[in-house]
Protein backbone atom coordinates (compact mmCIF):
# COMPACT_ATOMS: atom_id res chain seq x y z
CA MET A 1 2.11 -13.94 7.36
CA LYS A 2 1.04 -13.14 11.05
CA LEU A 3 -0.26 -9.55 11.89
CA GLU A 4 1.02 -9.86 15.38
CA ARG A 5 4.47 -10.00 13.86
CA ILE A 6 4.23 -6.56 12.77
CA PRO A 7 5.59 -4.28 15.36
CA GLN A 8 2.93 -1.84 17.06
CA LEU A 9 0.27 -3.21 14.99
CA LYS A 10 -3.13 -2.81 17.28
CA HIS A 11 -6.62 -3.84 16.94
CA ILE A 12 -5.42 -7.18 15.42
CA ASP A 13 -8.32 -9.07 17.12
CA SER A 14 -11.12 -7.06 15.71
CA ASN A 15 -11.91 -8.93 12.67
CA ASN A 16 -11.74 -6.08 10.78
CA PHE A 17 -9.21 -5.53 7.63
CA PHE A 18 -6.02 -4.19 8.25
CA LEU A 19 -5.19 -0.68 6.37
CA LEU A 20 -1.96 0.45 4.86
CA ALA A 21 -2.57 4.21 4.19
CA GLY A 22 -0.73 7.47 3.87
CA PRO A 23 0.31 9.78 1.26
CA CYS A 24 2.04 8.65 -2.01
CA ALA A 25 5.32 10.14 -1.24
CA ILE A 26 6.70 11.86 1.76
CA GLU A 27 6.79 15.42 0.97
CA GLY A 28 7.85 16.95 4.46
CA GLU A 29 7.59 16.20 8.32
CA GLU A 30 4.59 18.30 8.80
CA MET A 31 2.56 16.69 6.32
CA ALA A 32 3.25 13.41 7.19
CA LEU A 33 2.26 13.89 10.80
CA ARG A 34 -0.56 15.79 9.73
CA ILE A 35 -2.10 12.87 7.70
CA ALA A 36 -0.87 10.13 9.97
CA GLU A 37 -2.28 11.86 13.25
CA LYS A 38 -5.98 11.87 11.49
CA VAL A 39 -5.66 8.21 10.25
CA VAL A 40 -4.71 7.03 13.50
CA GLU A 41 -7.61 8.79 15.13
CA ILE A 42 -9.94 7.29 12.68
CA THR A 43 -8.71 3.67 12.71
CA ASN A 44 -8.61 3.74 16.46
CA LYS A 45 -12.08 4.82 16.74
CA LEU A 46 -13.02 1.84 14.30
CA GLU A 47 -10.61 -0.41 15.64
CA ILE A 48 -8.92 -1.02 12.47
CA PRO A 49 -5.22 -2.47 12.46
CA TYR A 50 -3.28 0.43 10.79
CA VAL A 51 0.06 0.63 8.90
CA PHE A 52 1.34 4.24 7.69
CA LYS A 53 2.36 4.30 4.06
CA GLY A 54 4.69 6.78 2.44
CA SER A 55 7.17 6.35 -0.23
CA PHE A 56 10.79 7.65 0.69
CA LYS A 57 11.64 8.19 -2.92
CA LYS A 58 9.72 7.84 -6.18
CA ALA A 59 11.58 6.24 -8.69
CA ASN A 60 8.91 5.35 -11.29
CA ARG A 61 8.04 8.59 -12.92
CA SER A 62 6.36 9.42 -16.26
CA ARG A 63 8.40 12.40 -16.80
CA ILE A 64 12.02 13.54 -15.90
CA ASP A 65 10.74 16.55 -14.39
CA SER A 66 8.12 14.82 -11.90
CA PHE A 67 8.86 15.00 -8.10
CA THR A 68 10.87 12.11 -6.80
CA GLY A 69 11.60 12.98 -3.27
CA ILE A 70 13.11 15.10 -0.68
CA GLY A 71 16.27 12.88 -0.08
CA ASP A 72 16.24 9.33 0.79
CA GLU A 73 17.53 9.59 4.55
CA LYS A 74 15.53 12.70 5.05
CA ALA A 75 12.31 10.92 4.17
CA LEU A 76 13.08 7.59 6.06
CA LYS A 77 13.87 9.51 8.98
CA ILE A 78 10.46 11.28 8.89
CA LEU A 79 8.85 7.66 8.41
CA ARG A 80 10.68 6.74 11.67
CA LYS A 81 9.26 9.82 13.31
CA VAL A 82 5.96 9.13 12.40
CA SER A 83 6.34 5.49 14.01
CA GLU A 84 7.87 6.88 17.09
CA THR A 85 5.16 9.60 17.58
CA PHE A 86 2.05 7.73 17.21
CA GLU A 87 3.37 4.23 18.17
CA ILE A 88 2.29 2.50 14.67
CA PRO A 89 4.17 0.50 11.80
CA THR A 90 5.39 1.83 8.83
CA ILE A 91 5.91 0.77 5.31
CA THR A 92 7.87 1.87 2.21
CA ASP A 93 8.51 0.98 -1.35
CA ILE A 94 12.24 0.00 -2.27
CA HIS A 95 13.59 0.16 -6.04
CA GLU A 96 17.10 -1.12 -5.81
CA VAL A 97 18.80 -3.92 -4.12
CA SER A 98 20.65 -1.34 -1.89
CA ASP A 99 17.56 0.38 -0.79
CA ALA A 100 16.59 -2.96 1.08
CA LYS A 101 18.94 -2.49 4.02
CA LEU A 102 18.68 1.35 3.98
CA ALA A 103 15.11 1.15 4.31
CA ALA A 104 15.09 -1.80 6.86
CA GLU A 105 16.51 0.33 9.38
CA TYR A 106 13.78 2.70 9.63
CA VAL A 107 10.37 1.02 8.72
CA ASP A 108 8.88 -2.37 9.42
CA ILE A 109 7.42 -3.38 6.12
CA LEU A 110 9.31 -3.33 2.74
CA GLN A 111 7.14 -3.15 -0.68
CA ILE A 112 8.20 -4.19 -3.75
CA PRO A 113 6.70 -2.06 -6.55
CA ALA A 114 4.31 -3.46 -9.03
CA PHE A 115 6.90 -2.77 -12.12
CA LEU A 116 9.43 -4.45 -10.04
CA VAL A 117 8.09 -7.74 -8.67
CA ARG A 118 9.61 -10.09 -10.99
CA GLN A 119 13.06 -8.51 -10.23
CA THR A 120 14.49 -11.44 -8.10
CA ASP A 121 17.55 -9.79 -6.60
CA LEU A 122 15.33 -7.00 -5.28
CA VAL A 123 12.69 -9.50 -4.05
CA VAL A 124 15.41 -11.49 -2.25
CA ALA A 125 17.37 -8.33 -0.80
CA ALA A 126 14.01 -7.44 0.85
CA ALA A 127 13.34 -10.76 2.06
CA GLU A 128 16.75 -11.23 3.77
CA THR A 129 16.30 -8.26 5.75
CA GLY A 130 13.79 -10.41 7.81
CA LYS A 131 11.27 -7.34 7.43
CA VAL A 132 7.69 -8.20 6.24
CA VAL A 133 7.62 -7.74 2.28
CA ASN A 134 4.50 -6.62 0.75
CA LEU A 135 4.49 -7.87 -2.92
CA LYS A 136 2.55 -5.63 -5.43
CA LYS A 137 1.06 -7.76 -8.13
CA GLY A 138 2.36 -6.36 -11.61
CA GLN A 139 -0.25 -5.04 -13.90
CA PHE A 140 1.05 -7.45 -16.20
CA MET A 141 0.83 -10.41 -14.19
CA SER A 142 -1.81 -12.96 -13.67
CA PRO A 143 -2.86 -13.79 -10.14
CA GLU A 144 -1.58 -17.17 -10.48
CA SER A 145 1.94 -16.08 -11.35
CA MET A 146 2.35 -14.30 -7.94
CA LYS A 147 2.67 -17.80 -6.14
CA HIS A 148 5.95 -17.65 -7.64
CA ALA A 149 7.09 -13.89 -6.18
CA VAL A 150 5.73 -15.28 -2.95
CA THR A 151 8.09 -18.30 -3.10
CA LYS A 152 10.94 -16.21 -3.66
CA VAL A 153 10.64 -14.70 -0.06
CA THR A 154 9.77 -17.59 1.59
CA ASP A 155 12.47 -19.51 0.22
CA CYS A 156 14.55 -16.91 1.99
CA ASN A 157 13.14 -18.23 5.32
CA ASN A 158 10.98 -15.49 5.48
CA GLU A 159 7.34 -16.32 5.77
CA GLN A 160 6.39 -12.58 6.37
CA VAL A 161 4.92 -11.78 3.26
CA MET A 162 1.77 -10.34 1.71
CA VAL A 163 0.49 -9.68 -1.85
CA THR A 164 -1.28 -6.72 -2.90
CA ASP A 165 -3.53 -6.55 -6.24
CA ARG A 166 -3.46 -2.86 -7.81
CA GLY A 167 -4.94 -3.65 -10.98
CA THR A 168 -4.38 -4.86 -14.25
CA MET A 169 -3.58 -3.03 -17.38
CA PHE A 170 -6.79 -2.56 -19.62
CA GLY A 171 -5.67 -1.22 -23.04
CA TYR A 172 -2.74 1.71 -22.74
CA GLN A 173 -4.86 4.07 -20.45
CA ASP A 174 -7.01 2.24 -17.78
CA MET A 175 -6.62 -0.21 -14.94
CA ILE A 176 -9.15 -2.99 -13.82
CA VAL A 177 -9.75 -4.88 -10.82
CA ASP A 178 -10.12 -8.52 -11.68
CA PHE A 179 -11.93 -9.74 -8.38
CA ARG A 180 -11.47 -13.51 -9.24
CA GLY A 181 -7.77 -12.86 -8.41
CA ILE A 182 -8.48 -12.46 -4.68
CA PRO A 183 -9.29 -15.70 -3.62
CA THR A 184 -6.31 -17.28 -5.90
CA MET A 185 -3.59 -14.69 -4.46
CA ARG A 186 -5.01 -15.67 -0.70
CA GLU A 187 -4.18 -19.04 -1.37
CA PHE A 188 -0.46 -18.17 -1.31
CA ALA A 189 -0.56 -15.17 1.03
CA PRO A 190 -2.67 -12.59 2.82
CA THR A 191 -3.92 -10.29 0.22
CA VAL A 192 -4.62 -6.40 0.07
CA LEU A 193 -6.62 -4.47 -2.44
CA ASP A 194 -4.76 -1.26 -3.47
CA VAL A 195 -7.90 0.58 -4.11
CA THR A 196 -6.48 3.97 -5.36
CA HIS A 197 -3.92 2.74 -7.63
CA SER A 198 -6.22 0.16 -9.46
CA LEU A 199 -8.00 3.56 -10.43
CA GLN A 200 -4.91 5.13 -12.12
CA GLN A 201 -5.31 6.13 -15.61
CA PRO A 202 -1.51 5.94 -16.96
CA ASN A 203 0.01 7.09 -20.02
CA GLN A 204 -1.65 10.24 -20.79
CA SER A 205 -0.23 12.60 -23.34
CA SER A 206 0.52 14.92 -20.53
CA GLY A 207 3.07 12.76 -18.97
CA VAL A 208 1.05 12.89 -15.80
CA THR A 209 -1.03 9.83 -14.79
CA GLY A 210 -4.69 10.36 -14.34
CA GLY A 211 -7.09 8.88 -11.91
CA ARG A 212 -10.86 8.04 -10.74
CA PRO A 213 -11.11 8.94 -7.28
CA ASP A 214 -14.86 9.13 -7.50
CA MET A 215 -14.75 5.01 -7.86
CA ILE A 216 -13.04 4.57 -4.90
CA GLU A 217 -15.44 3.54 -2.59
CA THR A 218 -17.04 1.12 -5.22
CA ILE A 219 -13.88 -0.74 -5.47
CA ALA A 220 -13.16 -0.88 -1.90
CA ARG A 221 -16.52 -1.98 -0.85
CA ALA A 222 -16.24 -4.90 -3.76
CA GLY A 223 -12.95 -5.87 -2.30
CA VAL A 224 -14.34 -6.20 1.42
CA VAL A 225 -17.20 -8.08 0.08
CA ASN A 226 -14.72 -10.31 -1.61
CA LYS A 227 -13.09 -10.94 1.65
CA VAL A 228 -9.36 -9.00 0.69
CA ASP A 229 -7.17 -9.25 4.15
CA GLY A 230 -6.35 -5.57 3.87
CA LEU A 231 -6.83 -2.72 1.86
CA PHE A 232 -4.37 -0.10 0.60
CA ILE A 233 -5.57 3.73 0.17
CA GLU A 234 -3.33 6.70 -0.51
CA THR A 235 -4.80 9.68 1.05
CA HIS A 236 -3.81 13.55 1.48
CA PHE A 237 -5.40 16.56 2.87
CA ASP A 238 -4.99 18.51 -0.56
CA PRO A 239 -4.78 16.00 -3.25
CA ALA A 240 -5.19 18.63 -5.81
CA ASN A 241 -1.49 19.89 -4.77
CA ALA A 242 -0.10 16.68 -3.85
CA LYS A 243 3.31 15.83 -5.33
CA SER A 244 2.78 12.63 -6.48
CA ASP A 245 -0.25 10.86 -7.85
CA GLY A 246 -2.81 13.40 -6.53
CA ALA A 247 -5.19 12.50 -9.45
CA ASN A 248 -6.20 9.20 -7.77
CA MET A 249 -5.62 9.72 -4.13
CA LEU A 250 -8.22 10.14 -1.61
CA ASP A 251 -9.15 13.33 0.13
CA LEU A 252 -8.23 13.01 3.82
CA ASN A 253 -11.64 14.41 4.72
CA TYR A 254 -13.55 11.69 3.25
CA LEU A 255 -11.69 8.85 5.01
CA GLU A 256 -13.62 8.34 8.04
CA LYS A 257 -16.99 7.94 6.27
CA LEU A 258 -15.51 5.37 3.68
CA LEU A 259 -14.01 3.58 6.64
CA SER A 260 -16.91 3.44 8.71
CA ASN A 261 -18.73 2.02 5.87
CA LEU A 262 -16.37 -0.72 5.02
CA VAL A 263 -16.24 -1.77 8.63
CA ALA A 264 -20.23 -2.19 8.58
CA ILE A 265 -19.84 -4.09 5.34
CA ARG A 266 -16.95 -6.40 6.98
CA LYS A 267 -19.38 -7.18 9.96
CA THR A 268 -21.94 -8.46 7.72
CA VAL A 269 -19.60 -10.41 5.66
CA ASN A 270 -18.10 -11.87 8.85
CA SER A 271 -21.71 -13.06 9.73
CA PHE A 272 -22.03 -15.35 6.65
């Protein structure tokens, strides 16, 4: 994958990691624009290539009464407005074959969720849109096995593919990041570390996933040291009241300091 093929992506010659960041789910237009505006301000200052992330719907929920979205086309139109307002690319995840064509009309990158990355029809549908495809490594998969997921995309004559590690299940209620997998997956495609999802604590008795946001900087620093190509960070100005994944999202107020530290680390790593 070539970063320059992602529409409107800025600062690609800065030698920084690229960033996929935004709320877990699109809750409304005002919140999406508010988050995007702040992250754009920070990433322009630090010269970080930035893609706005937001799910137009959440199909993978623990409980039937969990928030799933505000309506597919309504959320996708908000993603388009974010892109047009700030002149940045956008990414959203898809869950069904029919989602691929629909979402491709509004966003620049289609993301395959970790639980669905072995669904061949879904991966192929995303690849055939010609959009960049982000494949999230299943919590149950080895880094080596992601080679086959990447091949499903490239066999559709689409070389625009990247892989994202979001941790591996450790017991029933915890996730770990095996940093040995980063160089392995970088052999197949540019590799992103999903910092916030790798700190989830799933399968809680309440039916609401927990998390360890206090460990975000620890995991992010380790990823940068180990030369990930990109970072994935979900952020919100009010995580406690976010409608999805609030337990592991980064408070938007802490993002600039975190990214400043990570850029400094990246410069050091680049000097080796």
